[in-house]
Amino acid sequence: MNIGQTAIYMKLFLMTVMAASLLNCSSPQQGDAKVKTISATEYKQHHEKIDNQEVMLVDVRTPAEFEAGHLDKTQHADFLSGEFEKEMQNWDKDKTYYLYCASGNRSGKAAKLMEEAGFKNVYNIGGYQDLKSAGLPVKE
């Protein structure tokens, strides 16, 4: 093998090692908070617990989205406002929290943030339209 071939093999080797390192860094590590997600239908079966003081339903959409319609008995905490993290620090970590947004994306991020802060019972229940379509009571 000549020096040129050795250099090519060395570059390929280094690129393979770097790619493997990047893939390893982007995959979930053991101990990472894994957001619990349940469907609108699954949530509907449990929504009567909202009357319970140990359960809180949280809409993390913007104020305009919230005003356009939201689930009944919902607390509003806008995830995009930059205030969500401050608000959640005042919440009881022993309660159960059900979070939703427009699609489930923001509520998933908010749930992950809460779990990383030590909340143990946090569920992403998805998007408002799916919950509404499932027949949950809404305020419009």
N, C-alpha and C. Protein backbone atom coordinates (compact mmCIF):
# COMPACT_ATOMS: atom_id res chain seq x y z
N MET A 1 0.85 -1.16 0.00
CA MET A 1 0.00 0.00 0.00
C MET A 1 0.90 1.24 0.00
N ASN A 2 0.62 2.19 -0.89
CA ASN A 2 1.45 3.39 -0.95
C ASN A 2 0.92 4.47 -0.01
N ILE A 3 1.63 5.57 0.10
CA ILE A 3 1.28 6.65 1.02
C ILE A 3 -0.07 7.27 0.67
N GLY A 4 -0.37 7.40 -0.60
CA GLY A 4 -1.66 7.98 -1.04
C GLY A 4 -2.84 7.12 -0.60
N GLN A 5 -2.70 5.80 -0.77
CA GLN A 5 -3.77 4.90 -0.35
C GLN A 5 -3.93 4.91 1.17
N THR A 6 -2.82 4.95 1.87
CA THR A 6 -2.86 5.00 3.33
C THR A 6 -3.59 6.26 3.80
N ALA A 7 -3.31 7.39 3.16
CA ALA A 7 -3.97 8.65 3.52
C ALA A 7 -5.48 8.56 3.28
N ILE A 8 -5.88 7.96 2.19
CA ILE A 8 -7.31 7.81 1.88
C ILE A 8 -7.98 6.93 2.93
N TYR A 9 -7.36 5.79 3.26
CA TYR A 9 -7.93 4.91 4.28
C TYR A 9 -8.01 5.59 5.64
N MET A 10 -6.98 6.37 5.96
CA MET A 10 -6.96 7.08 7.23
C MET A 10 -8.10 8.11 7.28
N LYS A 11 -8.33 8.82 6.19
CA LYS A 11 -9.43 9.80 6.13
C LYS A 11 -10.77 9.09 6.29
N LEU A 12 -10.95 7.97 5.59
CA LEU A 12 -12.20 7.21 5.70
C LEU A 12 -12.41 6.72 7.13
N PHE A 13 -11.34 6.25 7.74
CA PHE A 13 -11.43 5.78 9.12
C PHE A 13 -11.86 6.92 10.05
N LEU A 14 -11.20 8.07 9.91
CA LEU A 14 -11.52 9.22 10.77
C LEU A 14 -12.95 9.70 10.54
N MET A 15 -13.40 9.70 9.29
CA MET A 15 -14.77 10.12 8.99
C MET A 15 -15.77 9.14 9.62
N THR A 16 -15.46 7.87 9.59
CA THR A 16 -16.33 6.85 10.19
C THR A 16 -16.40 7.04 11.71
N VAL A 17 -15.27 7.27 12.33
CA VAL A 17 -15.23 7.49 13.78
C VAL A 17 -16.02 8.75 14.14
N MET A 18 -15.84 9.82 13.37
CA MET A 18 -16.56 11.06 13.65
C MET A 18 -18.06 10.88 13.48
N ALA A 19 -18.48 10.18 12.43
CA ALA A 19 -19.90 9.94 12.19
C ALA A 19 -20.49 9.11 13.34
N ALA A 20 -19.77 8.09 13.78
CA ALA A 20 -20.24 7.27 14.89
C ALA A 20 -20.37 8.10 16.17
N SER A 21 -19.42 9.00 16.38
CA SER A 21 -19.47 9.87 17.56
C SER A 21 -20.68 10.79 17.52
N LEU A 22 -20.95 11.36 16.35
CA LEU A 22 -22.10 12.25 16.21
C LEU A 22 -23.40 11.50 16.45
N LEU A 23 -23.52 10.30 15.90
CA LEU A 23 -24.73 9.51 16.10
C LEU A 23 -24.90 9.15 17.57
N ASN A 24 -23.82 8.83 18.23
CA ASN A 24 -23.88 8.49 19.64
C ASN A 24 -24.33 9.68 20.48
N CYS A 25 -23.88 10.87 20.14
CA CYS A 25 -24.23 12.07 20.90
C CYS A 25 -25.69 12.45 20.71
N SER A 26 -26.25 12.13 19.55
CA SER A 26 -27.63 12.55 19.30
C SER A 26 -28.65 11.53 19.79
N SER A 27 -28.22 10.35 20.12
CA SER A 27 -29.18 9.36 20.61
C SER A 27 -29.43 9.56 22.10
N PRO A 28 -30.62 9.20 22.58
CA PRO A 28 -30.92 9.41 23.99
C PRO A 28 -29.97 8.63 24.89
N GLN A 29 -29.57 9.24 25.94
CA GLN A 29 -28.70 8.59 26.91
C GLN A 29 -29.56 7.98 28.02
N GLN A 30 -29.07 6.93 28.65
CA GLN A 30 -29.80 6.37 29.77
C GLN A 30 -29.94 7.43 30.84
N GLY A 31 -31.13 7.52 31.43
CA GLY A 31 -31.35 8.49 32.48
C GLY A 31 -31.97 9.78 31.96
N ASP A 32 -31.99 9.99 30.61
CA ASP A 32 -32.65 11.17 30.07
C ASP A 32 -34.15 11.09 30.35
N ALA A 33 -34.75 12.25 30.57
CA ALA A 33 -36.19 12.28 30.80
C ALA A 33 -36.90 11.88 29.51
N LYS A 34 -37.78 10.92 29.59
CA LYS A 34 -38.56 10.50 28.44
C LYS A 34 -39.99 10.95 28.67
N VAL A 35 -40.46 11.81 27.80
CA VAL A 35 -41.79 12.37 27.95
C VAL A 35 -42.84 11.29 27.72
N LYS A 36 -43.79 11.21 28.65
CA LYS A 36 -44.89 10.26 28.52
C LYS A 36 -45.96 10.91 27.65
N THR A 37 -46.36 10.23 26.61
CA THR A 37 -47.38 10.75 25.70
C THR A 37 -48.57 9.82 25.70
N ILE A 38 -49.76 10.42 25.78
CA ILE A 38 -50.98 9.62 25.65
C ILE A 38 -51.87 10.29 24.62
N SER A 39 -52.72 9.51 23.99
CA SER A 39 -53.58 10.03 22.93
C SER A 39 -54.76 10.79 23.52
N ALA A 40 -55.45 11.52 22.65
CA ALA A 40 -56.65 12.26 23.07
C ALA A 40 -57.69 11.30 23.63
N THR A 41 -57.83 10.15 23.01
CA THR A 41 -58.80 9.15 23.47
C THR A 41 -58.43 8.62 24.85
N GLU A 42 -57.14 8.33 25.05
CA GLU A 42 -56.69 7.86 26.37
C GLU A 42 -56.93 8.94 27.43
N TYR A 43 -56.62 10.19 27.07
CA TYR A 43 -56.84 11.28 28.02
C TYR A 43 -58.32 11.42 28.34
N LYS A 44 -59.17 11.30 27.34
CA LYS A 44 -60.62 11.46 27.55
C LYS A 44 -61.11 10.48 28.62
N GLN A 45 -60.55 9.30 28.66
CA GLN A 45 -60.96 8.30 29.64
C GLN A 45 -60.59 8.72 31.06
N HIS A 46 -59.65 9.66 31.21
CA HIS A 46 -59.19 10.07 32.53
C HIS A 46 -59.51 11.51 32.87
N HIS A 47 -60.16 12.26 31.96
CA HIS A 47 -60.30 13.69 32.16
C HIS A 47 -61.17 14.08 33.35
N GLU A 48 -61.96 13.15 33.84
CA GLU A 48 -62.78 13.48 35.01
C GLU A 48 -61.92 13.77 36.23
N LYS A 49 -60.65 13.40 36.22
CA LYS A 49 -59.75 13.66 37.33
C LYS A 49 -59.38 15.14 37.43
N ILE A 50 -59.72 15.93 36.43
CA ILE A 50 -59.37 17.35 36.44
C ILE A 50 -60.02 18.05 37.64
N ASP A 51 -61.13 17.55 38.13
CA ASP A 51 -61.76 18.12 39.33
C ASP A 51 -60.90 17.87 40.56
N ASN A 52 -60.06 16.90 40.48
CA ASN A 52 -59.20 16.52 41.59
C ASN A 52 -58.10 17.57 41.77
N GLN A 53 -57.80 17.93 42.99
CA GLN A 53 -56.77 18.93 43.29
C GLN A 53 -55.37 18.43 42.93
N GLU A 54 -55.21 17.14 42.72
CA GLU A 54 -53.90 16.58 42.44
C GLU A 54 -53.57 16.55 40.95
N VAL A 55 -54.46 17.08 40.12
CA VAL A 55 -54.29 17.03 38.67
C VAL A 55 -54.43 18.43 38.08
N MET A 56 -53.58 18.74 37.10
CA MET A 56 -53.65 20.05 36.45
C MET A 56 -53.54 19.88 34.94
N LEU A 57 -54.47 20.48 34.23
CA LEU A 57 -54.49 20.49 32.78
C LEU A 57 -53.90 21.83 32.33
N VAL A 58 -52.87 21.79 31.47
CA VAL A 58 -52.16 23.02 31.09
C VAL A 58 -52.11 23.15 29.56
N ASP A 59 -52.59 24.30 29.08
CA ASP A 59 -52.52 24.67 27.67
C ASP A 59 -51.29 25.54 27.51
N VAL A 60 -50.33 25.11 26.70
CA VAL A 60 -49.07 25.85 26.56
C VAL A 60 -49.02 26.68 25.28
N ARG A 61 -50.17 26.89 24.64
CA ARG A 61 -50.22 27.69 23.42
C ARG A 61 -50.14 29.18 23.73
N THR A 62 -50.10 29.98 22.70
CA THR A 62 -50.05 31.43 22.85
C THR A 62 -51.38 31.96 23.38
N PRO A 63 -51.41 33.17 23.93
CA PRO A 63 -52.68 33.74 24.41
C PRO A 63 -53.75 33.80 23.32
N ALA A 64 -53.37 34.14 22.10
CA ALA A 64 -54.35 34.20 21.01
C ALA A 64 -54.95 32.82 20.72
N GLU A 65 -54.11 31.79 20.72
CA GLU A 65 -54.61 30.43 20.50
C GLU A 65 -55.54 30.02 21.63
N PHE A 66 -55.15 30.35 22.85
CA PHE A 66 -55.94 30.00 24.03
C PHE A 66 -57.30 30.69 23.97
N GLU A 67 -57.32 31.97 23.63
CA GLU A 67 -58.57 32.73 23.57
C GLU A 67 -59.49 32.22 22.47
N ALA A 68 -58.94 31.67 21.41
CA ALA A 68 -59.75 31.16 20.31
C ALA A 68 -60.50 29.88 20.70
N GLY A 69 -60.08 29.24 21.78
CA GLY A 69 -60.73 28.03 22.26
C GLY A 69 -59.75 27.17 23.01
N HIS A 70 -60.22 26.58 24.10
CA HIS A 70 -59.36 25.71 24.92
C HIS A 70 -60.24 24.70 25.65
N LEU A 71 -59.59 23.68 26.18
CA LEU A 71 -60.33 22.69 26.96
C LEU A 71 -60.84 23.32 28.24
N ASP A 72 -61.96 22.83 28.70
CA ASP A 72 -62.55 23.28 29.95
C ASP A 72 -61.59 22.95 31.11
N LYS A 73 -61.58 23.80 32.11
CA LYS A 73 -60.78 23.59 33.33
C LYS A 73 -59.28 23.56 33.05
N THR A 74 -58.84 24.43 32.16
CA THR A 74 -57.45 24.48 31.75
C THR A 74 -56.74 25.69 32.33
N GLN A 75 -55.51 25.49 32.76
CA GLN A 75 -54.65 26.61 33.13
C GLN A 75 -53.83 26.96 31.90
N HIS A 76 -53.64 28.25 31.66
CA HIS A 76 -52.86 28.68 30.52
C HIS A 76 -51.45 29.05 30.97
N ALA A 77 -50.44 28.55 30.25
CA ALA A 77 -49.04 28.87 30.52
C ALA A 77 -48.31 28.84 29.18
N ASP A 78 -48.18 29.98 28.54
CA ASP A 78 -47.59 30.10 27.20
C ASP A 78 -46.13 29.65 27.20
N PHE A 79 -45.85 28.56 26.52
CA PHE A 79 -44.50 28.01 26.47
C PHE A 79 -43.53 28.94 25.74
N LEU A 80 -44.03 29.64 24.72
CA LEU A 80 -43.15 30.48 23.90
C LEU A 80 -42.87 31.84 24.52
N SER A 81 -43.55 32.19 25.59
CA SER A 81 -43.41 33.52 26.18
C SER A 81 -42.08 33.74 26.90
N GLY A 82 -41.41 32.66 27.25
CA GLY A 82 -40.20 32.78 28.04
C GLY A 82 -40.49 32.78 29.53
N GLU A 83 -41.76 32.77 29.90
CA GLU A 83 -42.16 32.79 31.30
C GLU A 83 -42.53 31.40 31.82
N PHE A 84 -42.68 30.44 30.91
CA PHE A 84 -43.14 29.11 31.31
C PHE A 84 -42.25 28.50 32.39
N GLU A 85 -40.95 28.59 32.20
CA GLU A 85 -40.02 27.98 33.16
C GLU A 85 -40.16 28.62 34.54
N LYS A 86 -40.39 29.92 34.59
CA LYS A 86 -40.59 30.60 35.87
C LYS A 86 -41.90 30.17 36.51
N GLU A 87 -42.97 30.09 35.71
CA GLU A 87 -44.29 29.69 36.22
C GLU A 87 -44.25 28.30 36.83
N MET A 88 -43.62 27.37 36.11
CA MET A 88 -43.64 25.98 36.57
C MET A 88 -42.89 25.79 37.88
N GLN A 89 -41.98 26.70 38.21
CA GLN A 89 -41.24 26.60 39.46
C GLN A 89 -42.16 26.78 40.67
N ASN A 90 -43.33 27.37 40.45
CA ASN A 90 -44.30 27.57 41.54
C ASN A 90 -45.31 26.43 41.63
N TRP A 91 -45.22 25.46 40.75
CA TRP A 91 -46.17 24.37 40.73
C TRP A 91 -45.71 23.23 41.63
N ASP A 92 -46.67 22.47 42.12
CA ASP A 92 -46.43 21.33 43.00
C ASP A 92 -45.90 20.15 42.18
N LYS A 93 -44.70 19.71 42.47
CA LYS A 93 -44.08 18.62 41.71
C LYS A 93 -44.74 17.27 41.94
N ASP A 94 -45.59 17.17 42.97
CA ASP A 94 -46.26 15.90 43.26
C ASP A 94 -47.58 15.75 42.51
N LYS A 95 -48.07 16.82 41.89
CA LYS A 95 -49.32 16.73 41.12
C LYS A 95 -49.06 16.03 39.79
N THR A 96 -50.16 15.66 39.14
CA THR A 96 -50.09 15.11 37.79
C THR A 96 -50.46 16.22 36.82
N TYR A 97 -49.66 16.37 35.76
CA TYR A 97 -49.87 17.43 34.78
C TYR A 97 -50.12 16.84 33.41
N TYR A 98 -51.17 17.34 32.75
CA TYR A 98 -51.49 16.98 31.38
C TYR A 98 -51.31 18.24 30.54
N LEU A 99 -50.39 18.21 29.57
CA LEU A 99 -50.08 19.38 28.76
C LEU A 99 -50.51 19.17 27.33
N TYR A 100 -51.02 20.24 26.72
CA TYR A 100 -51.35 20.19 25.30
C TYR A 100 -51.04 21.53 24.64
N CYS A 101 -50.96 21.50 23.30
CA CYS A 101 -50.73 22.72 22.52
C CYS A 101 -51.53 22.57 21.23
N ALA A 102 -51.02 23.06 20.12
CA ALA A 102 -51.73 22.93 18.85
C ALA A 102 -51.48 21.57 18.19
N SER A 103 -50.25 21.07 18.32
CA SER A 103 -49.91 19.82 17.62
C SER A 103 -49.30 18.75 18.53
N GLY A 104 -48.85 19.15 19.72
CA GLY A 104 -48.15 18.22 20.61
C GLY A 104 -46.66 18.51 20.68
N ASN A 105 -46.16 19.39 19.82
CA ASN A 105 -44.73 19.71 19.80
C ASN A 105 -44.33 20.55 21.01
N ARG A 106 -44.98 21.70 21.19
CA ARG A 106 -44.63 22.56 22.33
C ARG A 106 -44.93 21.88 23.66
N SER A 107 -46.04 21.16 23.72
CA SER A 107 -46.38 20.48 24.97
C SER A 107 -45.37 19.38 25.28
N GLY A 108 -44.84 18.74 24.25
CA GLY A 108 -43.78 17.75 24.46
C GLY A 108 -42.51 18.38 25.01
N LYS A 109 -42.15 19.55 24.47
CA LYS A 109 -40.97 20.27 24.96
C LYS A 109 -41.19 20.76 26.39
N ALA A 110 -42.39 21.26 26.66
CA ALA A 110 -42.71 21.74 28.01
C ALA A 110 -42.68 20.59 29.00
N ALA A 111 -43.22 19.44 28.61
CA ALA A 111 -43.23 18.26 29.49
C ALA A 111 -41.80 17.81 29.78
N LYS A 112 -40.96 17.82 28.78
CA LYS A 112 -39.55 17.43 28.98
C LYS A 112 -38.87 18.38 29.95
N LEU A 113 -39.12 19.66 29.79
CA LEU A 113 -38.56 20.68 30.68
C LEU A 113 -39.01 20.43 32.12
N MET A 114 -40.28 20.11 32.29
CA MET A 114 -40.81 19.85 33.63
C MET A 114 -40.19 18.59 34.23
N GLU A 115 -40.08 17.54 33.44
CA GLU A 115 -39.49 16.30 33.95
C GLU A 115 -38.04 16.50 34.34
N GLU A 116 -37.31 17.29 33.56
CA GLU A 116 -35.92 17.58 33.89
C GLU A 116 -35.81 18.39 35.18
N ALA A 117 -36.89 19.14 35.51
CA ALA A 117 -36.91 19.95 36.73
C ALA A 117 -37.40 19.14 37.94
N GLY A 118 -37.71 17.85 37.73
CA GLY A 118 -38.08 17.00 38.86
C GLY A 118 -39.56 16.65 38.98
N PHE A 119 -40.39 17.09 38.01
CA PHE A 119 -41.80 16.70 38.01
C PHE A 119 -41.87 15.24 37.57
N LYS A 120 -42.64 14.44 38.29
CA LYS A 120 -42.65 13.01 38.01
C LYS A 120 -43.84 12.54 37.17
N ASN A 121 -44.95 13.24 37.24
CA ASN A 121 -46.17 12.82 36.55
C ASN A 121 -46.60 13.87 35.54
N VAL A 122 -45.93 13.86 34.39
CA VAL A 122 -46.20 14.84 33.34
C VAL A 122 -46.52 14.07 32.06
N TYR A 123 -47.62 14.45 31.42
CA TYR A 123 -48.06 13.79 30.20
C TYR A 123 -48.30 14.80 29.09
N ASN A 124 -47.81 14.49 27.92
CA ASN A 124 -48.11 15.27 26.72
C ASN A 124 -49.36 14.62 26.11
N ILE A 125 -50.45 15.38 26.05
CA ILE A 125 -51.69 14.80 25.51
C ILE A 125 -51.98 15.29 24.10
N GLY A 126 -51.01 15.96 23.47
CA GLY A 126 -51.11 16.27 22.05
C GLY A 126 -51.69 17.62 21.71
N GLY A 127 -52.45 17.64 20.59
CA GLY A 127 -52.96 18.87 20.03
C GLY A 127 -54.41 19.15 20.37
N TYR A 128 -54.73 20.43 20.45
CA TYR A 128 -56.06 20.89 20.83
C TYR A 128 -57.15 20.33 19.92
N GLN A 129 -56.96 20.39 18.60
CA GLN A 129 -58.01 19.92 17.69
C GLN A 129 -58.30 18.43 17.88
N ASP A 130 -57.27 17.63 18.12
CA ASP A 130 -57.49 16.20 18.37
C ASP A 130 -58.28 16.00 19.65
N LEU A 131 -57.96 16.78 20.67
CA LEU A 131 -58.67 16.66 21.95
C LEU A 131 -60.13 17.11 21.79
N LYS A 132 -60.32 18.18 21.07
CA LYS A 132 -61.67 18.69 20.80
C LYS A 132 -62.47 17.65 20.01
N SER A 133 -61.84 17.07 18.97
CA SER A 133 -62.49 16.06 18.14
C SER A 133 -62.83 14.81 18.93
N ALA A 134 -62.08 14.54 19.99
CA ALA A 134 -62.34 13.35 20.82
C ALA A 134 -63.57 13.57 21.70
N GLY A 135 -64.11 14.80 21.70
CA GLY A 135 -65.33 15.06 22.47
C GLY A 135 -65.10 15.64 23.85
N LEU A 136 -63.90 16.11 24.12
CA LEU A 136 -63.63 16.72 25.43
C LEU A 136 -64.32 18.08 25.51
N PRO A 137 -64.79 18.47 26.69
CA PRO A 137 -65.46 19.76 26.83
C PRO A 137 -64.51 20.93 26.58
N VAL A 138 -64.98 21.91 25.79
CA VAL A 138 -64.16 23.06 25.43
C VAL A 138 -64.88 24.36 25.77
N LYS A 139 -64.11 25.42 25.85
CA LYS A 139 -64.62 26.78 26.00
C LYS A 139 -64.16 27.56 24.78
N GLU A 140 -65.12 28.12 24.04
CA GLU A 140 -64.75 28.88 22.84
C GLU A 140 -65.28 30.28 22.92
